[in-house]
C-alpha cells in the first residue's frame, strides 16, 4: 500500500482550508517556538526579545501557502525558495531540526490538523527539516 497523496487537482493548501488556516498554523508555530524552543526562536529576526518578527511570520506564511500548493505569491515576490542557501548562515543540527519539528507538531495539534493530510505533512516536514541540516549531530 502506498502512502497517501493528494488527489489530482487537490492540494494540501485546499484540504487545510486555504490561506487563513495556513496563517493560523504559522502563528501557532512561532508562538510554540517562542514558548518552548527559545534557542530556535533566537535565530529568527525579532521585533522584541523572544518574539519572532511579524516580517518572519508573514514570509513563512507566504512560503507555506506556496509550498502546500496555494498561490505563488512567495515565488513571485521572493523568487525560488533556495531553502538550503537561506538556512546556510545558521547552524542546523539535529537539535535545531528537532526543535523546529516539535514547534510544527505543536502548531498542527493546536490547529487540529489530522487524518491523512496530517500524516502526509508530518512526513514532508520531517523530510525538509532533515534536508536542511548542515552540520552533523
Protein backbone atom coordinates (compact mmCIF):
# COMPACT_ATOMS: atom_id res chain seq x y z
CA UNK A 1 0.00 0.00 0.00
CA UNK A 2 1.48 3.36 -1.00
CA UNK A 3 1.47 6.49 1.12
CA UNK A 4 -1.46 8.89 0.76
CA UNK A 5 -1.04 11.68 -1.77
CA UNK A 6 -3.49 14.49 -2.54
CA UNK A 7 -5.79 13.65 -5.45
CA UNK A 8 -5.16 15.26 -8.83
CA UNK A 9 -6.32 18.87 -8.68
CA UNK A 10 -6.40 18.78 -4.88
CA UNK A 11 -3.64 20.34 -2.80
CA UNK A 12 -2.80 20.27 0.90
CA UNK A 13 -3.40 24.04 0.78
CA UNK A 14 -7.03 23.41 -0.25
CA UNK A 15 -7.52 20.44 2.08
CA UNK A 16 -6.35 22.53 5.04
CA UNK A 17 -8.77 25.35 4.23
CA UNK A 18 -6.58 27.81 2.39
CA UNK A 19 -4.56 30.85 3.39
CA UNK A 20 -6.44 31.62 6.60
CA UNK A 21 -5.70 28.19 8.08
CA UNK A 22 -2.08 28.44 6.97
CA UNK A 23 -1.75 31.85 8.65
CA UNK A 24 -3.19 30.44 11.88
CA UNK A 25 -0.79 27.48 11.64
CA UNK A 26 2.17 29.83 11.22
CA UNK A 27 1.11 31.96 14.20
CA UNK A 28 0.76 28.88 16.39
CA UNK A 29 4.12 27.58 15.08
CA UNK A 30 6.02 30.71 16.08
CA UNK A 31 4.10 31.04 19.34
CA UNK A 32 5.11 27.46 20.22
CA UNK A 33 8.69 28.19 19.19
CA UNK A 34 8.86 31.30 21.37
CA UNK A 35 7.36 29.46 24.33
CA UNK A 36 9.06 26.05 24.05
CA UNK A 37 12.17 26.46 21.87
CA UNK A 38 13.80 29.80 22.77
CA UNK A 39 17.18 28.86 21.23
CA UNK A 40 15.45 28.33 17.89
CA UNK A 41 13.36 31.49 18.22
CA UNK A 42 16.55 33.46 18.89
CA UNK A 43 17.83 32.58 15.40
CA UNK A 44 14.93 34.48 13.82
CA UNK A 45 14.57 38.21 13.30
CA UNK A 46 12.75 39.58 16.33
CA UNK A 47 10.50 42.57 16.91
CA UNK A 48 11.37 42.43 20.60
CA UNK A 49 13.43 39.99 22.66
CA UNK A 50 11.98 36.50 22.40
CA UNK A 51 9.30 37.49 19.86
CA UNK A 52 9.74 36.36 16.25
CA UNK A 53 9.09 39.30 13.95
CA UNK A 54 5.90 39.96 12.02
CA UNK A 55 8.06 40.02 8.88
CA UNK A 56 9.38 36.49 9.54
CA UNK A 57 5.89 35.21 10.27
CA UNK A 58 4.45 36.74 7.10
CA UNK A 59 7.28 35.43 4.91
CA UNK A 60 6.88 31.91 6.28
CA UNK A 61 3.10 32.04 5.80
CA UNK A 62 3.59 33.11 2.19
CA UNK A 63 6.16 30.36 1.64
CA UNK A 64 3.98 27.70 3.27
CA UNK A 65 0.96 28.69 1.17
CA UNK A 66 3.09 28.28 -1.96
CA UNK A 67 4.79 25.06 -0.78
CA UNK A 68 1.43 23.48 0.01
CA UNK A 69 0.05 24.22 -3.45
CA UNK A 70 -1.58 27.59 -2.94
CA UNK A 71 -0.91 30.98 -4.50
CA UNK A 72 2.51 31.59 -5.99
CA UNK A 73 2.90 34.95 -4.24
CA UNK A 74 6.06 33.83 -2.44
CA UNK A 75 7.70 32.75 -5.68
CA UNK A 76 6.67 35.94 -7.46
CA UNK A 77 7.89 38.27 -4.70
CA UNK A 78 10.89 36.42 -3.24
CA UNK A 79 11.98 34.10 -6.03
CA UNK A 80 12.93 30.45 -5.71
CA UNK A 81 12.87 29.37 -2.07
CA UNK A 82 16.53 28.17 -2.10
CA UNK A 83 15.92 26.66 1.33
CA UNK A 84 19.45 25.35 1.89
CA UNK A 85 21.03 28.65 0.87
CA UNK A 86 18.65 30.67 3.07
CA UNK A 87 19.47 28.47 6.05
CA UNK A 88 23.23 28.18 5.40
CA UNK A 89 24.21 31.06 7.73
CA UNK A 90 22.73 29.17 10.69
CA UNK A 91 23.84 26.00 12.43
CA UNK A 92 21.11 23.48 11.67
CA UNK A 93 21.97 20.37 13.61
CA UNK A 94 19.75 17.57 14.88
CA UNK A 95 18.79 19.62 17.95
CA UNK A 96 17.61 22.57 15.83
CA UNK A 97 15.86 20.24 13.37
CA UNK A 98 14.05 18.54 16.23
CA UNK A 99 13.15 21.87 17.87
CA UNK A 100 11.66 23.06 14.57
CA UNK A 101 9.68 19.85 14.19
CA UNK A 102 8.39 19.99 17.77
CA UNK A 103 7.16 23.54 17.14
CA UNK A 104 5.39 22.49 13.94
CA UNK A 105 3.89 19.37 15.55
CA UNK A 106 2.55 21.51 18.40
CA UNK A 107 1.10 24.01 15.92
CA UNK A 108 -0.58 21.29 13.85
CA UNK A 109 -2.01 19.74 17.03
CA UNK A 110 -3.37 23.12 18.16
CA UNK A 111 -4.92 23.84 14.75
CA UNK A 112 -6.45 20.35 14.66
CA UNK A 113 -4.76 19.07 11.51
CA UNK A 114 -5.45 15.34 11.44
CA UNK A 115 -6.03 12.32 9.25
CA UNK A 116 -4.28 11.54 6.00
CA UNK A 117 -3.22 15.12 5.32
CA UNK A 118 -1.57 15.23 8.78
CA UNK A 119 0.36 12.05 8.10
CA UNK A 120 1.41 13.48 4.74
CA UNK A 121 2.53 16.78 6.31
CA UNK A 122 4.37 15.04 9.16
CA UNK A 123 6.42 13.18 6.58
CA UNK A 124 7.05 16.19 4.34
CA UNK A 125 8.04 18.48 7.21
CA UNK A 126 10.37 15.82 8.65
CA UNK A 127 11.99 15.30 5.25
CA UNK A 128 12.61 19.00 4.65
CA UNK A 129 13.79 19.64 8.21
CA UNK A 130 16.33 16.85 7.89
CA UNK A 131 17.38 18.06 4.42
CA UNK A 132 18.23 21.46 5.91
CA UNK A 133 20.70 20.07 8.44
CA UNK A 134 24.11 21.48 7.61
CA UNK A 135 26.23 20.04 10.43
CA UNK A 136 26.44 16.60 12.00
CA UNK A 137 24.80 15.99 15.33
